[in-house]
N, C-alpha and C. Protein backbone atom coordinates (compact mmCIF):
# COMPACT_ATOMS: atom_id res chain seq x y z
N MET A 1 27.83 -2.55 25.09
CA MET A 1 26.92 -1.93 24.17
C MET A 1 26.21 -2.91 23.30
N VAL A 2 24.92 -2.57 23.03
CA VAL A 2 24.10 -3.56 22.22
C VAL A 2 23.47 -2.77 21.09
N ASP A 3 22.98 -3.54 20.09
CA ASP A 3 22.28 -2.98 18.92
C ASP A 3 20.75 -3.26 19.11
N CYS A 4 20.01 -2.34 18.54
CA CYS A 4 18.52 -2.49 18.52
C CYS A 4 18.24 -3.47 17.38
N LYS A 5 17.49 -4.53 17.60
CA LYS A 5 17.16 -5.52 16.56
C LYS A 5 16.23 -4.96 15.53
N LYS A 6 15.37 -4.03 15.93
CA LYS A 6 14.36 -3.49 15.01
C LYS A 6 14.89 -2.44 14.05
N CYS A 7 15.61 -1.46 14.60
CA CYS A 7 16.05 -0.38 13.67
C CYS A 7 17.58 -0.33 13.51
N LYS A 8 18.32 -1.34 14.03
CA LYS A 8 19.70 -1.47 13.95
C LYS A 8 20.62 -0.32 14.47
N VAL A 9 20.05 0.49 15.43
CA VAL A 9 20.83 1.54 16.07
C VAL A 9 21.84 0.86 17.02
N SER A 10 23.07 1.33 17.05
CA SER A 10 24.08 0.71 17.89
C SER A 10 24.33 1.63 19.09
N ASP A 11 25.29 1.22 19.93
CA ASP A 11 25.72 1.90 21.12
C ASP A 11 24.59 2.19 22.10
N LEU A 12 23.76 1.20 22.39
CA LEU A 12 22.76 1.34 23.39
C LEU A 12 23.05 0.41 24.54
N THR A 13 22.51 0.69 25.66
CA THR A 13 22.73 -0.15 26.89
C THR A 13 21.35 -0.65 27.40
N TRP A 14 21.40 -1.62 28.21
CA TRP A 14 20.19 -2.12 28.88
C TRP A 14 19.94 -1.22 30.12
N ASP A 15 18.76 -0.83 30.38
CA ASP A 15 18.47 0.12 31.38
C ASP A 15 18.14 -0.70 32.69
N GLN A 16 19.28 -0.70 33.51
CA GLN A 16 19.21 -1.52 34.75
C GLN A 16 18.29 -0.95 35.80
N THR A 17 18.21 0.40 35.91
CA THR A 17 17.37 1.01 36.88
C THR A 17 15.88 0.76 36.54
N TYR A 18 15.58 0.83 35.29
CA TYR A 18 14.18 0.54 34.92
C TYR A 18 13.84 -0.87 35.20
N HIS A 19 14.77 -1.75 35.01
CA HIS A 19 14.56 -3.19 35.33
C HIS A 19 14.27 -3.45 36.80
N GLU A 20 15.15 -2.80 37.59
CA GLU A 20 14.93 -2.90 39.09
C GLU A 20 13.54 -2.45 39.55
N ASN A 21 13.09 -1.37 38.92
CA ASN A 21 11.86 -0.71 39.35
C ASN A 21 10.58 -1.49 38.80
N THR A 22 10.67 -2.05 37.50
CA THR A 22 9.50 -2.56 36.87
C THR A 22 9.58 -4.10 36.62
N GLY A 23 10.82 -4.59 36.55
CA GLY A 23 11.00 -6.03 36.23
C GLY A 23 11.06 -6.26 34.76
N GLN A 24 11.01 -5.20 33.92
CA GLN A 24 11.08 -5.31 32.47
C GLN A 24 12.35 -4.66 31.99
N TRP A 25 12.93 -5.10 30.94
CA TRP A 25 14.08 -4.55 30.32
C TRP A 25 13.70 -3.58 29.22
N ARG A 26 14.51 -2.59 28.99
CA ARG A 26 14.38 -1.65 27.89
C ARG A 26 15.77 -1.19 27.57
N LEU A 27 15.89 -0.73 26.23
CA LEU A 27 17.18 -0.14 25.84
C LEU A 27 17.25 1.37 26.21
N TYR A 28 18.46 1.73 26.55
CA TYR A 28 18.73 3.15 26.94
C TYR A 28 19.75 3.77 26.04
N ASP A 29 19.54 4.92 25.60
CA ASP A 29 20.54 5.65 24.72
C ASP A 29 21.37 6.55 25.66
N PRO A 30 22.59 6.23 25.99
CA PRO A 30 23.41 7.08 26.82
C PRO A 30 23.81 8.45 26.16
N ALA A 31 23.89 8.47 24.84
CA ALA A 31 24.17 9.76 24.16
C ALA A 31 23.06 10.78 24.38
N LYS A 32 21.78 10.28 24.32
CA LYS A 32 20.67 11.28 24.47
C LYS A 32 20.20 11.32 25.90
N GLU A 33 20.76 10.38 26.73
CA GLU A 33 20.31 10.27 28.11
C GLU A 33 18.80 10.10 28.32
N GLN A 34 18.25 9.19 27.50
CA GLN A 34 16.83 8.86 27.58
C GLN A 34 16.63 7.49 26.96
N PRO A 35 15.44 6.88 27.26
CA PRO A 35 15.17 5.54 26.72
C PRO A 35 15.13 5.61 25.21
N HIS A 36 15.62 4.41 24.55
CA HIS A 36 15.58 4.37 23.18
C HIS A 36 14.19 4.13 22.59
N LYS A 37 13.87 4.93 21.63
CA LYS A 37 12.60 4.78 20.88
C LYS A 37 12.89 4.55 19.47
N CYS A 38 12.38 3.43 18.90
CA CYS A 38 12.65 3.11 17.48
C CYS A 38 11.84 4.07 16.67
N PRO A 39 12.50 4.59 15.55
CA PRO A 39 11.72 5.39 14.61
C PRO A 39 10.66 4.50 13.96
N VAL A 40 9.63 5.20 13.42
CA VAL A 40 8.59 4.48 12.80
C VAL A 40 9.07 3.93 11.43
N ILE A 41 9.06 2.54 11.38
CA ILE A 41 9.54 1.95 10.13
C ILE A 41 8.26 1.40 9.39
N PRO A 42 7.96 2.03 8.23
CA PRO A 42 6.74 1.54 7.51
C PRO A 42 6.87 0.10 7.14
N LYS A 43 5.72 -0.56 7.25
CA LYS A 43 5.68 -1.92 6.85
C LYS A 43 5.25 -2.01 5.38
N PRO A 44 5.85 -2.79 4.55
CA PRO A 44 5.53 -2.88 3.20
C PRO A 44 4.05 -3.30 3.00
N ILE A 45 3.39 -2.65 2.04
CA ILE A 45 1.99 -3.04 1.74
C ILE A 45 2.01 -4.24 0.79
N PRO A 46 1.32 -5.26 1.27
CA PRO A 46 1.32 -6.51 0.38
C PRO A 46 0.60 -6.17 -0.93
N VAL A 47 1.14 -6.76 -2.00
CA VAL A 47 0.57 -6.63 -3.32
C VAL A 47 -0.46 -7.71 -3.52
N LYS A 48 -1.67 -7.32 -3.85
CA LYS A 48 -2.73 -8.30 -4.09
C LYS A 48 -2.49 -8.95 -5.45
N MET A 49 -2.36 -10.28 -5.46
CA MET A 49 -2.07 -11.04 -6.64
C MET A 49 -3.37 -11.72 -7.09
N THR A 50 -3.51 -11.85 -8.41
CA THR A 50 -4.67 -12.56 -8.92
C THR A 50 -4.20 -13.21 -10.21
N VAL A 51 -5.05 -14.07 -10.82
CA VAL A 51 -4.79 -14.79 -12.06
C VAL A 51 -5.81 -14.20 -13.08
N CYS A 52 -5.36 -14.20 -14.30
CA CYS A 52 -6.24 -13.68 -15.40
C CYS A 52 -7.23 -14.87 -15.68
N PRO A 53 -8.57 -14.55 -15.72
CA PRO A 53 -9.55 -15.55 -16.03
C PRO A 53 -9.57 -15.95 -17.47
N LYS A 54 -8.97 -15.15 -18.39
CA LYS A 54 -8.93 -15.47 -19.78
C LYS A 54 -7.73 -16.29 -20.34
N CYS A 55 -6.65 -16.28 -19.44
CA CYS A 55 -5.47 -17.07 -19.84
C CYS A 55 -5.68 -18.55 -19.66
N ASN A 56 -4.88 -19.32 -20.32
CA ASN A 56 -4.89 -20.74 -20.21
C ASN A 56 -4.61 -21.18 -18.83
N PRO A 57 -5.45 -21.94 -18.15
CA PRO A 57 -5.27 -22.34 -16.79
C PRO A 57 -4.02 -23.18 -16.52
N LEU A 58 -3.45 -23.82 -17.52
CA LEU A 58 -2.23 -24.55 -17.30
C LEU A 58 -1.03 -23.77 -17.35
N THR A 59 -1.02 -22.60 -18.00
CA THR A 59 0.20 -21.80 -18.13
C THR A 59 0.10 -20.45 -17.49
N ARG A 60 -1.07 -20.04 -16.94
CA ARG A 60 -1.23 -18.70 -16.42
C ARG A 60 -0.45 -18.56 -15.10
N LYS A 61 -0.03 -17.38 -14.90
CA LYS A 61 0.77 -17.01 -13.64
C LYS A 61 0.13 -15.84 -12.89
N PRO A 62 0.29 -15.76 -11.64
CA PRO A 62 -0.33 -14.65 -10.92
C PRO A 62 0.31 -13.22 -11.38
N ILE A 63 -0.55 -12.34 -11.44
CA ILE A 63 -0.11 -11.00 -11.74
C ILE A 63 -0.72 -10.02 -10.73
N SER A 64 -0.26 -8.81 -10.69
CA SER A 64 -0.77 -7.84 -9.73
C SER A 64 -2.21 -7.45 -10.15
N ALA A 65 -2.97 -7.24 -9.16
CA ALA A 65 -4.44 -6.92 -9.42
C ALA A 65 -4.55 -5.56 -10.14
N LYS A 66 -3.59 -4.68 -9.96
CA LYS A 66 -3.60 -3.39 -10.59
C LYS A 66 -3.30 -3.51 -12.09
N LYS A 67 -2.47 -4.55 -12.44
CA LYS A 67 -2.07 -4.76 -13.82
C LYS A 67 -3.02 -5.68 -14.62
N LEU A 68 -4.04 -6.21 -14.01
CA LEU A 68 -4.93 -7.13 -14.70
C LEU A 68 -5.73 -6.48 -15.82
N GLN A 69 -6.22 -5.31 -15.55
CA GLN A 69 -7.05 -4.66 -16.62
C GLN A 69 -6.16 -4.37 -17.86
N ASP A 70 -4.97 -3.85 -17.69
CA ASP A 70 -4.08 -3.55 -18.76
C ASP A 70 -3.69 -4.94 -19.48
N HIS A 71 -3.46 -5.92 -18.71
CA HIS A 71 -3.13 -7.24 -19.36
C HIS A 71 -4.27 -7.75 -20.29
N ILE A 72 -5.51 -7.63 -19.70
CA ILE A 72 -6.65 -8.11 -20.59
C ILE A 72 -6.77 -7.29 -21.84
N LYS A 73 -6.58 -5.95 -21.70
CA LYS A 73 -6.71 -5.09 -22.90
C LYS A 73 -5.67 -5.44 -23.92
N LYS A 74 -4.45 -5.69 -23.51
CA LYS A 74 -3.29 -5.88 -24.43
C LYS A 74 -3.31 -7.35 -25.05
N GLU A 75 -3.66 -8.35 -24.17
CA GLU A 75 -3.45 -9.73 -24.55
C GLU A 75 -4.78 -10.44 -25.05
N HIS A 76 -5.99 -9.91 -24.61
CA HIS A 76 -7.10 -10.71 -24.88
C HIS A 76 -8.21 -9.96 -25.73
N ILE A 77 -8.07 -8.67 -25.87
CA ILE A 77 -9.03 -7.96 -26.67
C ILE A 77 -8.37 -7.54 -28.02
N ASP A 78 -9.02 -7.96 -29.05
CA ASP A 78 -8.47 -7.53 -30.35
C ASP A 78 -9.07 -6.21 -30.74
N TRP A 79 -8.23 -5.18 -30.72
CA TRP A 79 -8.64 -3.88 -31.16
C TRP A 79 -8.62 -3.82 -32.72
N VAL A 80 -9.76 -3.36 -33.25
CA VAL A 80 -9.89 -3.24 -34.76
C VAL A 80 -9.58 -1.75 -35.04
N GLU A 81 -8.54 -1.51 -35.83
CA GLU A 81 -8.20 -0.17 -36.24
C GLU A 81 -8.73 0.09 -37.64
N GLU A 82 -9.33 1.21 -37.79
CA GLU A 82 -9.94 1.49 -39.16
C GLU A 82 -9.15 2.64 -39.68
């Protein structure tokens, strides 16, 4: 028995009949009596990072592009309250 490297499902076997017919290997699930199909595993969406143009270039660090506007409002704009 082998494990699927993508989805970590165990108790699979190599499909010898498929290999003899096509020359390619595939995993077979004997419990379902059909070829193994990995479930769709969503890929993580990369977070776009940027640097604040108003921060000190020597000390600034990358921040999420979504948080840039809030950062500028809180750190660089002086709000005058009357």
